[in-house]
């Protein structure tokens, strides 16, 4: 008896389970049509999911602030409390740190340890300056009796801006860890994957701060 034809085998087993693939059909390994994705893509994609979850959280804080903007319990409003000059300096520090972070990414691609460390150091210094100005603002507001417990508006403000400040502080600690790892272990692939995640995180914080600066400080001072 002759062996069954290829067409008959395909009709009996269209997905080629237990049989050799039909002629002209490529055979793949791993998951999906072309095998598993590279680790760099998997790590980047997974971290984007984390960043998007952070964006959802900040969106809820923005919405809460917008709802409670006029819930001041007879206390001062944005025009009375916010100093746009200092906030503009604060914003310049953070945006410049995003530029130096980009320079660090270029240095990592070029495998230049000196320039990587210099760019990351500048990023950390600018981030620390941002945090210092923010802490000074919070201390000034509390000294004026405009702390987070004074009104719902101030509670929403301190929560939104303070949560962003906590993220920047964690980013500075992460940056220091990356500097130490580059210095000790060089440009290994896993270290570069971690730096990719850090750079995504840092740039996302800049984007969120632009929303805070525009929606909370600028519009708040203009509208009162």
N, C-alpha and C. Protein backbone atom coordinates (compact mmCIF):
# COMPACT_ATOMS: atom_id res chain seq x y z
N UNK A 1 0.85 -1.19 0.00
CA UNK A 1 0.00 0.00 0.00
C UNK A 1 0.89 1.24 0.00
N UNK A 2 0.56 2.15 -0.90
CA UNK A 2 1.39 3.35 -0.98
C UNK A 2 1.09 4.29 0.16
N UNK A 3 2.08 5.10 0.52
CA UNK A 3 1.90 6.07 1.60
C UNK A 3 0.85 7.09 1.20
N UNK A 4 0.05 7.59 2.16
CA UNK A 4 -0.97 8.59 1.85
C UNK A 4 -0.33 9.85 1.27
N UNK A 5 -1.05 10.46 0.34
CA UNK A 5 -0.53 11.67 -0.31
C UNK A 5 -0.47 12.82 0.67
N UNK A 6 0.27 13.89 0.30
CA UNK A 6 0.40 15.07 1.16
C UNK A 6 -0.94 15.75 1.35
N UNK A 7 -1.77 15.76 0.27
CA UNK A 7 -3.08 16.40 0.38
C UNK A 7 -3.97 15.64 1.35
N UNK A 8 -3.92 14.30 1.33
CA UNK A 8 -4.73 13.50 2.23
C UNK A 8 -4.29 13.68 3.67
N UNK A 9 -2.95 13.73 3.88
CA UNK A 9 -2.44 13.95 5.25
C UNK A 9 -2.88 15.32 5.77
N UNK A 10 -2.84 16.34 4.90
CA UNK A 10 -3.26 17.68 5.33
C UNK A 10 -4.73 17.72 5.67
N UNK A 11 -5.54 16.96 4.90
CA UNK A 11 -6.98 16.94 5.19
C UNK A 11 -7.27 16.27 6.52
N UNK A 12 -6.53 15.19 6.83
CA UNK A 12 -6.74 14.50 8.10
C UNK A 12 -6.17 15.28 9.29
N UNK A 13 -5.09 15.99 9.04
CA UNK A 13 -4.40 16.70 10.14
C UNK A 13 -4.01 18.10 9.64
N UNK A 14 -5.00 19.04 9.57
CA UNK A 14 -4.71 20.35 8.95
C UNK A 14 -3.68 21.17 9.69
N UNK A 15 -3.50 20.93 11.00
CA UNK A 15 -2.52 21.71 11.78
C UNK A 15 -1.19 20.97 11.92
N UNK A 16 -1.08 19.85 11.21
CA UNK A 16 0.19 19.10 11.18
C UNK A 16 0.60 18.65 12.59
N UNK A 17 -0.41 18.23 13.38
CA UNK A 17 -0.10 17.73 14.71
C UNK A 17 0.36 16.28 14.58
N UNK A 18 1.58 16.00 14.91
CA UNK A 18 2.09 14.64 14.82
C UNK A 18 2.63 14.28 13.46
N UNK A 19 2.63 15.21 12.52
CA UNK A 19 3.12 14.95 11.18
C UNK A 19 4.16 15.98 10.80
N UNK A 20 4.89 15.69 9.81
CA UNK A 20 5.84 16.65 9.27
C UNK A 20 5.07 17.77 8.59
N UNK A 21 5.57 18.99 8.58
CA UNK A 21 4.88 20.08 7.90
C UNK A 21 4.77 19.83 6.41
N UNK A 22 3.71 20.35 5.83
CA UNK A 22 3.52 20.19 4.39
C UNK A 22 4.61 20.91 3.63
N UNK A 23 4.79 20.48 2.41
CA UNK A 23 5.84 21.09 1.58
C UNK A 23 5.57 22.57 1.38
N UNK A 24 6.62 23.36 1.55
CA UNK A 24 6.48 24.79 1.35
C UNK A 24 6.03 25.56 2.58
N UNK A 25 5.70 24.85 3.67
CA UNK A 25 5.26 25.50 4.90
C UNK A 25 6.44 25.61 5.84
N UNK A 26 6.85 26.80 6.25
CA UNK A 26 8.03 26.94 7.12
C UNK A 26 7.75 26.37 8.50
N UNK A 27 8.78 25.82 9.12
CA UNK A 27 8.66 25.25 10.46
C UNK A 27 9.30 26.21 11.44
N UNK A 28 8.54 26.68 12.44
CA UNK A 28 9.04 27.64 13.41
C UNK A 28 9.22 26.95 14.75
N UNK A 29 10.06 27.54 15.56
CA UNK A 29 10.26 27.07 16.93
C UNK A 29 9.84 28.16 17.88
N UNK A 30 9.50 27.77 19.08
CA UNK A 30 9.12 28.76 20.09
C UNK A 30 7.67 29.17 19.93
N UNK A 31 7.30 30.27 20.58
CA UNK A 31 5.93 30.76 20.59
C UNK A 31 5.75 31.75 19.45
N UNK A 32 4.64 31.66 18.77
CA UNK A 32 4.35 32.61 17.71
C UNK A 32 5.01 32.20 16.41
N UNK A 33 4.76 33.01 15.40
CA UNK A 33 5.23 32.66 14.07
C UNK A 33 6.73 32.70 13.93
N UNK A 34 7.42 33.56 14.63
CA UNK A 34 8.85 33.71 14.44
C UNK A 34 9.67 33.39 15.67
N UNK A 35 9.11 32.63 16.61
CA UNK A 35 9.83 32.32 17.83
C UNK A 35 9.65 33.39 18.87
N UNK A 36 10.22 33.19 20.07
CA UNK A 36 10.07 34.17 21.15
C UNK A 36 10.73 35.50 20.80
N UNK A 37 10.14 36.59 21.30
CA UNK A 37 10.69 37.92 21.05
C UNK A 37 12.00 38.10 21.82
N UNK A 38 12.90 38.95 21.33
CA UNK A 38 14.14 39.22 22.07
C UNK A 38 13.84 39.77 23.45
N UNK A 39 14.77 39.52 24.38
CA UNK A 39 14.56 39.95 25.76
C UNK A 39 14.41 41.46 25.85
N UNK A 40 15.14 42.21 25.02
CA UNK A 40 15.04 43.67 25.05
C UNK A 40 13.61 44.13 24.79
N UNK A 41 12.94 43.49 23.83
CA UNK A 41 11.56 43.87 23.51
C UNK A 41 10.63 43.46 24.63
N UNK A 42 10.83 42.28 25.19
CA UNK A 42 9.98 41.81 26.28
C UNK A 42 10.10 42.72 27.49
N UNK A 43 11.35 43.07 27.85
CA UNK A 43 11.57 43.94 29.00
C UNK A 43 10.96 45.32 28.75
N UNK A 44 11.20 45.89 27.56
CA UNK A 44 10.63 47.19 27.25
C UNK A 44 9.12 47.19 27.27
N UNK A 45 8.52 46.16 26.70
CA UNK A 45 7.06 46.07 26.66
C UNK A 45 6.49 45.95 28.08
N UNK A 46 7.10 45.07 28.88
CA UNK A 46 6.61 44.90 30.26
C UNK A 46 6.72 46.18 31.06
N UNK A 47 7.79 46.93 30.85
CA UNK A 47 7.94 48.18 31.61
C UNK A 47 6.98 49.24 31.11
N UNK A 48 6.65 49.22 29.82
CA UNK A 48 5.63 50.15 29.32
C UNK A 48 4.28 49.89 29.98
N UNK A 49 3.99 48.62 30.26
CA UNK A 49 2.75 48.30 30.97
C UNK A 49 2.76 48.94 32.36
N UNK A 50 3.91 48.86 33.05
CA UNK A 50 4.03 49.50 34.36
C UNK A 50 3.85 51.01 34.26
N UNK A 51 4.47 51.62 33.27
CA UNK A 51 4.37 53.07 33.10
C UNK A 51 2.92 53.48 32.83
N UNK A 52 2.23 52.72 31.99
CA UNK A 52 0.83 53.04 31.71
C UNK A 52 -0.04 52.91 32.95
N UNK A 53 0.28 51.95 33.81
CA UNK A 53 -0.48 51.85 35.07
C UNK A 53 -0.21 53.06 35.95
N UNK A 54 1.01 53.57 35.90
CA UNK A 54 1.34 54.80 36.64
C UNK A 54 0.58 56.00 36.06
N UNK A 55 0.45 56.04 34.74
CA UNK A 55 -0.30 57.12 34.10
C UNK A 55 -1.76 57.07 34.52
N UNK A 56 -2.31 55.88 34.64
CA UNK A 56 -3.70 55.75 35.10
C UNK A 56 -3.84 56.30 36.52
N UNK A 57 -2.87 55.99 37.38
CA UNK A 57 -2.92 56.48 38.75
C UNK A 57 -2.85 58.01 38.79
N UNK A 58 -1.92 58.59 38.03
CA UNK A 58 -1.82 60.05 38.02
C UNK A 58 -3.05 60.69 37.38
N UNK A 59 -3.66 60.00 36.43
CA UNK A 59 -4.90 60.53 35.85
C UNK A 59 -5.99 60.64 36.91
N UNK A 60 -6.05 59.66 37.80
CA UNK A 60 -7.02 59.72 38.89
C UNK A 60 -6.70 60.88 39.84
N UNK A 61 -5.41 61.12 40.09
CA UNK A 61 -5.03 62.25 40.95
C UNK A 61 -5.38 63.58 40.28
N UNK A 62 -5.14 63.68 38.97
CA UNK A 62 -5.51 64.90 38.25
C UNK A 62 -7.01 65.14 38.33
N UNK A 63 -7.79 64.09 38.12
CA UNK A 63 -9.24 64.23 38.17
C UNK A 63 -9.71 64.65 39.56
N UNK A 64 -9.10 64.07 40.59
CA UNK A 64 -9.46 64.43 41.96
C UNK A 64 -9.12 65.89 42.24
N UNK A 65 -7.96 66.32 41.79
CA UNK A 65 -7.57 67.72 41.99
C UNK A 65 -8.54 68.67 41.29
N UNK A 66 -8.93 68.32 40.05
CA UNK A 66 -9.85 69.18 39.31
C UNK A 66 -11.20 69.29 40.02
N UNK A 67 -11.67 68.19 40.59
CA UNK A 67 -12.96 68.20 41.29
C UNK A 67 -12.88 69.02 42.58
N UNK A 68 -11.75 68.93 43.26
CA UNK A 68 -11.62 69.58 44.57
C UNK A 68 -10.95 70.96 44.51
N UNK A 69 -10.74 71.48 43.32
CA UNK A 69 -10.02 72.74 43.17
C UNK A 69 -10.67 73.87 43.96
N UNK A 70 -11.98 73.92 43.98
CA UNK A 70 -12.69 75.01 44.67
C UNK A 70 -13.12 74.65 46.08
N UNK A 71 -12.73 73.47 46.56
CA UNK A 71 -13.07 73.05 47.92
C UNK A 71 -11.97 73.53 48.87
N UNK A 72 -11.98 74.84 49.17
CA UNK A 72 -10.86 75.47 49.88
C UNK A 72 -11.17 75.78 51.33
N UNK A 73 -12.34 75.50 51.78
CA UNK A 73 -12.73 75.75 53.18
C UNK A 73 -12.44 77.19 53.60
N UNK A 74 -12.67 78.12 52.67
CA UNK A 74 -12.42 79.52 52.97
C UNK A 74 -10.96 79.92 52.98
N UNK A 75 -10.09 79.02 52.59
CA UNK A 75 -8.66 79.28 52.61
C UNK A 75 -8.16 79.83 51.29
N UNK A 76 -6.84 79.98 51.16
CA UNK A 76 -6.25 80.55 49.94
C UNK A 76 -6.35 79.60 48.75
N UNK A 77 -6.27 80.16 47.55
CA UNK A 77 -6.29 79.37 46.32
C UNK A 77 -4.94 79.36 45.63
N UNK A 78 -4.87 78.81 44.45
CA UNK A 78 -3.59 78.70 43.74
C UNK A 78 -2.90 80.04 43.53
N UNK A 79 -3.67 81.08 43.18
CA UNK A 79 -3.05 82.38 42.93
C UNK A 79 -2.37 82.93 44.18
N UNK A 80 -2.89 82.59 45.35
CA UNK A 80 -2.32 83.09 46.61
C UNK A 80 -1.12 82.27 47.07
N UNK A 81 -1.02 81.03 46.59
CA UNK A 81 -0.03 80.11 47.16
C UNK A 81 1.15 79.82 46.23
N UNK A 82 0.93 79.77 44.94
CA UNK A 82 1.94 79.27 44.04
C UNK A 82 2.88 80.39 43.56
N UNK A 83 4.16 80.05 43.50
CA UNK A 83 5.19 80.97 42.99
C UNK A 83 5.65 80.43 41.64
N UNK A 84 5.14 81.04 40.58
CA UNK A 84 5.44 80.53 39.25
C UNK A 84 6.92 80.66 38.88
N UNK A 85 7.62 81.66 39.44
CA UNK A 85 9.04 81.82 39.11
C UNK A 85 9.85 80.61 39.60
N UNK A 86 9.62 80.22 40.84
CA UNK A 86 10.35 79.06 41.38
C UNK A 86 9.92 77.78 40.68
N UNK A 87 8.62 77.68 40.38
CA UNK A 87 8.13 76.48 39.70
C UNK A 87 8.71 76.38 38.29
N UNK A 88 8.92 77.54 37.63
CA UNK A 88 9.53 77.53 36.31
C UNK A 88 10.98 77.05 36.39
N UNK A 89 11.70 77.47 37.42
CA UNK A 89 13.07 76.98 37.61
C UNK A 89 13.06 75.48 37.88
N UNK A 90 12.12 75.06 38.70
CA UNK A 90 11.97 73.64 39.01
C UNK A 90 11.71 72.84 37.72
N UNK A 91 10.83 73.36 36.89
CA UNK A 91 10.51 72.70 35.63
C UNK A 91 11.72 72.64 34.71
N UNK A 92 12.48 73.74 34.64
CA UNK A 92 13.68 73.76 33.80
C UNK A 92 14.68 72.70 34.25
N UNK A 93 14.82 72.51 35.56
CA UNK A 93 15.74 71.49 36.08
C UNK A 93 15.33 70.10 35.60
N UNK A 94 14.03 69.80 35.70
CA UNK A 94 13.59 68.45 35.34
C UNK A 94 13.66 68.22 33.84
N UNK A 95 13.29 69.21 33.05
CA UNK A 95 13.35 69.05 31.60
C UNK A 95 14.80 68.94 31.11
N UNK A 96 15.69 69.70 31.73
CA UNK A 96 17.11 69.59 31.36
C UNK A 96 17.65 68.22 31.74
N UNK A 97 17.17 67.68 32.87
CA UNK A 97 17.60 66.34 33.26
C UNK A 97 17.15 65.29 32.25
N UNK A 98 16.02 65.53 31.60
CA UNK A 98 15.58 64.60 30.55
C UNK A 98 16.54 64.66 29.36
N UNK A 99 17.04 65.86 29.06
CA UNK A 99 18.03 66.01 27.98
C UNK A 99 19.33 65.28 28.32
N UNK A 100 19.82 65.45 29.55
CA UNK A 100 21.06 64.77 29.93
C UNK A 100 20.86 63.25 30.01
N UNK A 101 19.65 62.83 30.36
CA UNK A 101 19.35 61.39 30.34
C UNK A 101 19.44 60.86 28.92
N UNK A 102 18.96 61.65 27.95
CA UNK A 102 19.10 61.26 26.55
C UNK A 102 20.56 61.19 26.12
N UNK A 103 21.37 62.13 26.61
CA UNK A 103 22.81 62.06 26.32
C UNK A 103 23.43 60.80 26.91
N UNK A 104 22.98 60.42 28.10
CA UNK A 104 23.47 59.18 28.71
C UNK A 104 23.10 57.97 27.86
N UNK A 105 21.89 57.97 27.28
CA UNK A 105 21.49 56.87 26.41
C UNK A 105 22.41 56.78 25.19
N UNK A 106 22.79 57.92 24.63
CA UNK A 106 23.71 57.92 23.50
C UNK A 106 25.08 57.40 23.92
N UNK A 107 25.52 57.78 25.12
CA UNK A 107 26.81 57.31 25.60
C UNK A 107 26.79 55.80 25.86
N UNK A 108 25.65 55.29 26.35
CA UNK A 108 25.52 53.85 26.56
C UNK A 108 25.61 53.12 25.22
N UNK A 109 24.94 53.65 24.20
CA UNK A 109 24.99 53.04 22.87
C UNK A 109 26.41 53.04 22.32
N UNK A 110 27.18 54.09 22.65
CA UNK A 110 28.57 54.18 22.17
C UNK A 110 29.55 53.44 23.09
N UNK A 111 29.05 52.86 24.18
CA UNK A 111 29.87 52.13 25.17
C UNK A 111 30.96 53.03 25.76
N UNK A 112 30.61 54.28 26.02
CA UNK A 112 31.55 55.22 26.61
C UNK A 112 31.24 55.35 28.10
N UNK A 113 32.07 54.75 28.94
CA UNK A 113 31.79 54.73 30.37
C UNK A 113 31.89 56.13 30.97
N UNK A 114 32.91 56.89 30.58
CA UNK A 114 33.11 58.22 31.17
C UNK A 114 31.92 59.12 30.89
N UNK A 115 31.49 59.18 29.62
CA UNK A 115 30.39 60.07 29.28
C UNK A 115 29.06 59.56 29.82
N UNK A 116 28.94 58.26 29.94
CA UNK A 116 27.73 57.71 30.57
C UNK A 116 27.63 58.16 32.02
N UNK A 117 28.74 58.06 32.75
CA UNK A 117 28.74 58.44 34.16
C UNK A 117 28.54 59.95 34.33
N UNK A 118 29.17 60.74 33.45
CA UNK A 118 29.02 62.19 33.54
C UNK A 118 27.57 62.60 33.27
N UNK A 119 26.98 62.05 32.21
CA UNK A 119 25.60 62.40 31.88
C UNK A 119 24.63 61.96 32.97
N UNK A 120 24.84 60.78 33.53
CA UNK A 120 23.96 60.31 34.60
C UNK A 120 24.14 61.16 35.86
N UNK A 121 25.37 61.57 36.14
CA UNK A 121 25.60 62.42 37.30
C UNK A 121 24.87 63.75 37.15
N UNK A 122 24.96 64.35 35.97
CA UNK A 122 24.24 65.60 35.72
C UNK A 122 22.73 65.40 35.85
N UNK A 123 22.25 64.27 35.36
CA UNK A 123 20.81 63.97 35.50
C UNK A 123 20.41 63.88 36.96
N UNK A 124 21.24 63.22 37.76
CA UNK A 124 20.93 63.09 39.18
C UNK A 124 20.99 64.43 39.91
N UNK A 125 21.97 65.26 39.58
CA UNK A 125 22.09 66.58 40.23
C UNK A 125 20.87 67.44 39.90
N UNK A 126 20.45 67.44 38.65
CA UNK A 126 19.27 68.22 38.26
C UNK A 126 18.01 67.68 38.92
N UNK A 127 17.91 66.37 39.01
CA UNK A 127 16.77 65.78 39.70
C UNK A 127 16.75 66.13 41.17
N UNK A 128 17.93 66.14 41.80
CA UNK A 128 18.01 66.51 43.22
C UNK A 128 17.64 67.98 43.41
N UNK A 129 18.05 68.85 42.47
CA UNK A 129 17.66 70.26 42.54
C UNK A 129 16.15 70.40 42.45
N UNK A 130 15.54 69.63 41.58
CA UNK A 130 14.07 69.65 41.45
C UNK A 130 13.42 69.27 42.78
N UNK A 131 13.90 68.21 43.39
CA UNK A 131 13.33 67.76 44.67
C UNK A 131 13.56 68.80 45.75
N UNK A 132 14.74 69.42 45.76
CA UNK A 132 15.02 70.44 46.77
C UNK A 132 14.05 71.62 46.68
N UNK A 133 13.78 72.08 45.45
CA UNK A 133 12.84 73.19 45.27
C UNK A 133 11.44 72.78 45.69
N UNK A 134 11.06 71.56 45.39
CA UNK A 134 9.72 71.09 45.76
C UNK A 134 9.58 70.98 47.27
N UNK A 135 10.58 70.46 47.94
CA UNK A 135 10.52 70.38 49.40
C UNK A 135 10.44 71.77 50.01
N UNK A 136 11.22 72.71 49.47
CA UNK A 136 11.17 74.09 49.96
C UNK A 136 9.77 74.68 49.80
N UNK A 137 9.11 74.38 48.68
CA UNK A 137 7.74 74.86 48.47
C UNK A 137 6.79 74.27 49.50
N UNK A 138 6.89 72.98 49.74
CA UNK A 138 6.01 72.35 50.71
C UNK A 138 6.21 72.93 52.11
N UNK A 139 7.47 73.12 52.48
CA UNK A 139 7.77 73.69 53.80
C UNK A 139 7.19 75.10 53.91
N UNK A 140 7.33 75.88 52.84
CA UNK A 140 6.80 77.25 52.84
C UNK A 140 5.28 77.26 52.99
N UNK A 141 4.61 76.35 52.29
CA UNK A 141 3.15 76.29 52.38
C UNK A 141 2.69 75.87 53.77
N UNK A 142 3.34 74.89 54.34
CA UNK A 142 2.97 74.44 55.69
C UNK A 142 3.21 75.54 56.70
N UNK A 143 4.32 76.30 56.54
CA UNK A 143 4.60 77.40 57.45
C UNK A 143 3.54 78.50 57.38
N UNK A 144 2.91 78.64 56.22
CA UNK A 144 1.84 79.63 56.07
C UNK A 144 0.49 79.11 56.55
N UNK A 145 0.46 77.90 57.05
CA UNK A 145 -0.80 77.31 57.49
C UNK A 145 -1.60 76.69 56.36
N UNK A 146 -0.95 76.47 55.22
CA UNK A 146 -1.62 75.88 54.06
C UNK A 146 -1.11 74.46 53.84
N UNK A 147 -1.18 73.65 54.90
CA UNK A 147 -0.75 72.27 54.80
C UNK A 147 -1.82 71.38 54.18
N UNK A 148 -1.52 70.11 54.00
CA UNK A 148 -2.47 69.20 53.33
C UNK A 148 -3.76 68.97 54.09
N UNK A 149 -3.78 69.27 55.40
CA UNK A 149 -5.01 69.06 56.18
C UNK A 149 -5.90 70.30 56.24
N UNK A 150 -5.47 71.39 55.61
CA UNK A 150 -6.22 72.63 55.72
C UNK A 150 -7.51 72.59 54.90
N UNK A 151 -7.47 71.99 53.72
CA UNK A 151 -8.65 71.93 52.86
C UNK A 151 -8.53 70.75 51.92
N UNK A 152 -9.66 70.40 51.27
CA UNK A 152 -9.63 69.31 50.30
C UNK A 152 -8.77 69.68 49.10
N UNK A 153 -8.81 70.95 48.70
CA UNK A 153 -7.97 71.41 47.59
C UNK A 153 -6.50 71.17 47.87
N UNK A 154 -6.05 71.53 49.07
CA UNK A 154 -4.65 71.35 49.41
C UNK A 154 -4.29 69.89 49.59
N UNK A 155 -5.24 69.09 50.09
CA UNK A 155 -4.99 67.64 50.18
C UNK A 155 -4.74 67.06 48.80
N UNK A 156 -5.58 67.45 47.82
CA UNK A 156 -5.40 66.95 46.46
C UNK A 156 -4.10 67.45 45.85
N UNK A 157 -3.74 68.71 46.14
CA UNK A 157 -2.50 69.27 45.60
C UNK A 157 -1.29 68.55 46.15
N UNK A 158 -1.22 68.39 47.46
CA UNK A 158 -0.06 67.72 48.06
C UNK A 158 0.04 66.27 47.60
N UNK A 159 -1.10 65.61 47.42
CA UNK A 159 -1.08 64.21 46.98
C UNK A 159 -0.54 64.09 45.56
N UNK A 160 -1.04 64.93 44.66
CA UNK A 160 -0.62 64.87 43.26
C UNK A 160 0.86 65.23 43.10
N UNK A 161 1.23 66.41 43.61
CA UNK A 161 2.61 66.87 43.44
C UNK A 161 3.58 66.03 44.27
N UNK A 162 3.15 65.68 45.48
CA UNK A 162 4.02 64.87 46.34
C UNK A 162 4.26 63.48 45.79
N UNK A 163 3.24 62.87 45.19
CA UNK A 163 3.43 61.54 44.61
C UNK A 163 4.43 61.60 43.45
N UNK A 164 4.35 62.65 42.66
CA UNK A 164 5.34 62.81 41.58
C UNK A 164 6.74 63.00 42.17
N UNK A 165 6.85 63.77 43.24
CA UNK A 165 8.14 63.96 43.87
C UNK A 165 8.72 62.66 44.42
N UNK A 166 7.87 61.80 44.96
CA UNK A 166 8.34 60.50 45.44
C UNK A 166 8.87 59.67 44.28
N UNK A 167 8.19 59.73 43.14
CA UNK A 167 8.66 59.00 41.97
C UNK A 167 10.02 59.51 41.52
N UNK A 168 10.21 60.83 41.51
CA UNK A 168 11.50 61.39 41.11
C UNK A 168 12.59 60.96 42.10
N UNK A 169 12.27 60.97 43.39
CA UNK A 169 13.25 60.54 44.40
C UNK A 169 13.66 59.09 44.18
N UNK A 170 12.68 58.22 43.90
CA UNK A 170 13.00 56.82 43.61
C UNK A 170 13.84 56.71 42.34
N UNK A 171 13.54 57.57 41.35
CA UNK A 171 14.33 57.57 40.13
C UNK A 171 15.77 57.96 40.37
N UNK A 172 16.00 58.90 41.28
CA UNK A 172 17.38 59.31 41.61
C UNK A 172 18.14 58.14 42.24
N UNK A 173 17.47 57.41 43.15
CA UNK A 173 18.11 56.24 43.75
C UNK A 173 18.42 55.18 42.69
N UNK A 174 17.48 54.97 41.79
CA UNK A 174 17.69 54.02 40.70
C UNK A 174 18.84 54.47 39.82
N UNK A 175 18.93 55.77 39.55
CA UNK A 175 20.02 56.31 38.75
C UNK A 175 21.38 56.03 39.40
N UNK A 176 21.46 56.24 40.71
CA UNK A 176 22.71 55.93 41.41
C UNK A 176 23.09 54.47 41.29
N UNK A 177 22.08 53.59 41.34
CA UNK A 177 22.33 52.16 41.18
C UNK A 177 22.87 51.86 39.78
N UNK A 178 22.29 52.51 38.76
CA UNK A 178 22.75 52.30 37.40
C UNK A 178 24.20 52.76 37.23
N UNK A 179 24.55 53.91 37.83
CA UNK A 179 25.93 54.38 37.74
C UNK A 179 26.89 53.36 38.34
N UNK A 180 26.52 52.81 39.50
CA UNK A 180 27.38 51.82 40.15
C UNK A 180 27.49 50.55 39.31
N UNK A 181 26.40 50.12 38.69
CA UNK A 181 26.45 48.90 37.89
C UNK A 181 27.27 49.09 36.62
N UNK A 182 27.12 50.24 35.97
CA UNK A 182 27.94 50.49 34.78
C UNK A 182 29.42 50.51 35.15
N UNK A 183 29.75 51.14 36.29
CA UNK A 183 31.15 51.23 36.69
C UNK A 183 31.72 49.87 37.07
N UNK A 184 30.90 49.02 37.71
CA UNK A 184 31.40 47.74 38.20
C UNK A 184 31.33 46.63 37.15
N UNK A 185 30.29 46.65 36.31
CA UNK A 185 30.04 45.51 35.42
C UNK A 185 30.10 45.87 33.95
N UNK A 186 30.28 47.14 33.64
CA UNK A 186 30.38 47.52 32.24
C UNK A 186 29.03 47.54 31.54
N UNK A 187 29.06 47.34 30.22
CA UNK A 187 27.85 47.47 29.41
C UNK A 187 27.29 46.10 29.04
N UNK A 188 27.15 45.26 30.06
CA UNK A 188 26.52 43.97 29.82
C UNK A 188 25.09 44.16 29.33
N UNK A 189 24.58 43.16 28.63
CA UNK A 189 23.26 43.28 28.03
C UNK A 189 22.17 43.49 29.09
N UNK A 190 22.25 42.76 30.20
CA UNK A 190 21.22 42.90 31.24
C UNK A 190 21.27 44.28 31.88
N UNK A 191 22.48 44.86 31.99
CA UNK A 191 22.59 46.21 32.55
C UNK A 191 21.96 47.22 31.60
N UNK A 192 22.18 47.03 30.31
CA UNK A 192 21.58 47.93 29.33
C UNK A 192 20.06 47.80 29.30
N UNK A 193 19.55 46.60 29.54
CA UNK A 193 18.10 46.43 29.64
C UNK A 193 17.55 47.23 30.82
N UNK A 194 18.26 47.18 31.94
CA UNK A 194 17.80 47.94 33.11
C UNK A 194 17.86 49.44 32.85
N UNK A 195 18.90 49.87 32.14
CA UNK A 195 18.97 51.29 31.83
C UNK A 195 17.85 51.71 30.89
N UNK A 196 17.47 50.84 29.97
CA UNK A 196 16.34 51.14 29.09
C UNK A 196 15.08 51.42 29.92
N UNK A 197 14.85 50.57 30.92
CA UNK A 197 13.68 50.77 31.79
C UNK A 197 13.80 52.08 32.57
N UNK A 198 15.00 52.37 33.07
CA UNK A 198 15.18 53.63 33.81
C UNK A 198 14.90 54.84 32.93
N UNK A 199 15.41 54.84 31.70
CA UNK A 199 15.22 56.00 30.83
C UNK A 199 13.74 56.18 30.48
N UNK A 200 13.02 55.09 30.26
CA UNK A 200 11.58 55.19 30.02
C UNK A 200 10.88 55.82 31.23
N UNK A 201 11.26 55.37 32.41
CA UNK A 201 10.67 55.87 33.65
C UNK A 201 10.93 57.36 33.82
N UNK A 202 12.17 57.78 33.58
CA UNK A 202 12.54 59.18 33.81
C UNK A 202 11.84 60.11 32.82
N UNK A 203 11.79 59.70 31.57
CA UNK A 203 11.12 60.54 30.58
C UNK A 203 9.61 60.61 30.84
N UNK A 204 9.03 59.52 31.32
CA UNK A 204 7.60 59.53 31.65
C UNK A 204 7.31 60.51 32.79
N UNK A 205 8.22 60.59 33.76
CA UNK A 205 8.04 61.55 34.86
C UNK A 205 8.08 62.98 34.35
N UNK A 206 8.92 63.24 33.35
CA UNK A 206 8.96 64.58 32.76
C UNK A 206 7.63 64.93 32.10
N UNK A 207 7.07 63.96 31.38
CA UNK A 207 5.79 64.21 30.70
C UNK A 207 4.69 64.49 31.73
N UNK A 208 4.67 63.71 32.80
CA UNK A 208 3.66 63.93 33.84
C UNK A 208 3.84 65.30 34.48
N UNK A 209 5.10 65.70 34.69
CA UNK A 209 5.33 67.01 35.31
C UNK A 209 4.87 68.15 34.41
N UNK A 210 5.02 68.01 33.11
CA UNK A 210 4.52 69.04 32.20
C UNK A 210 3.01 69.22 32.40
N UNK A 211 2.30 68.10 32.60
CA UNK A 211 0.88 68.19 32.89
C UNK A 211 0.60 68.88 34.20
N UNK A 212 1.42 68.59 35.22
CA UNK A 212 1.24 69.24 36.53
C UNK A 212 1.54 70.73 36.43
N UNK A 213 2.65 71.07 35.79
CA UNK A 213 3.03 72.48 35.68
C UNK A 213 1.97 73.28 34.93
N UNK A 214 1.46 72.69 33.85
CA UNK A 214 0.46 73.41 33.05
C UNK A 214 -0.90 73.44 33.72
N UNK A 215 -1.36 72.27 34.16
CA UNK A 215 -2.72 72.17 34.68
C UNK A 215 -2.91 72.65 36.09
N UNK A 216 -1.87 72.53 36.92
CA UNK A 216 -1.99 72.89 38.34
C UNK A 216 -1.46 74.30 38.58
N UNK A 217 -0.24 74.56 38.16
CA UNK A 217 0.40 75.84 38.49
C UNK A 217 -0.03 76.97 37.54
N UNK A 218 0.19 76.80 36.25
CA UNK A 218 -0.08 77.90 35.32
C UNK A 218 -1.57 78.24 35.29
N UNK A 219 -2.40 77.23 35.02
CA UNK A 219 -3.84 77.50 34.94
C UNK A 219 -4.38 77.93 36.31
N UNK A 220 -3.81 77.34 37.38
CA UNK A 220 -4.28 77.73 38.72
C UNK A 220 -4.01 79.20 39.03
N UNK A 221 -2.81 79.68 38.66
CA UNK A 221 -2.48 81.08 38.92
C UNK A 221 -3.29 82.00 38.02
N UNK A 222 -3.49 81.62 36.78
CA UNK A 222 -4.24 82.47 35.84
C UNK A 222 -5.71 82.57 36.22
N UNK A 223 -6.30 81.46 36.59
CA UNK A 223 -7.74 81.46 36.90
C UNK A 223 -8.04 81.77 38.35
N UNK A 224 -7.02 81.67 39.21
CA UNK A 224 -7.21 81.95 40.63
C UNK A 224 -7.76 80.82 41.40
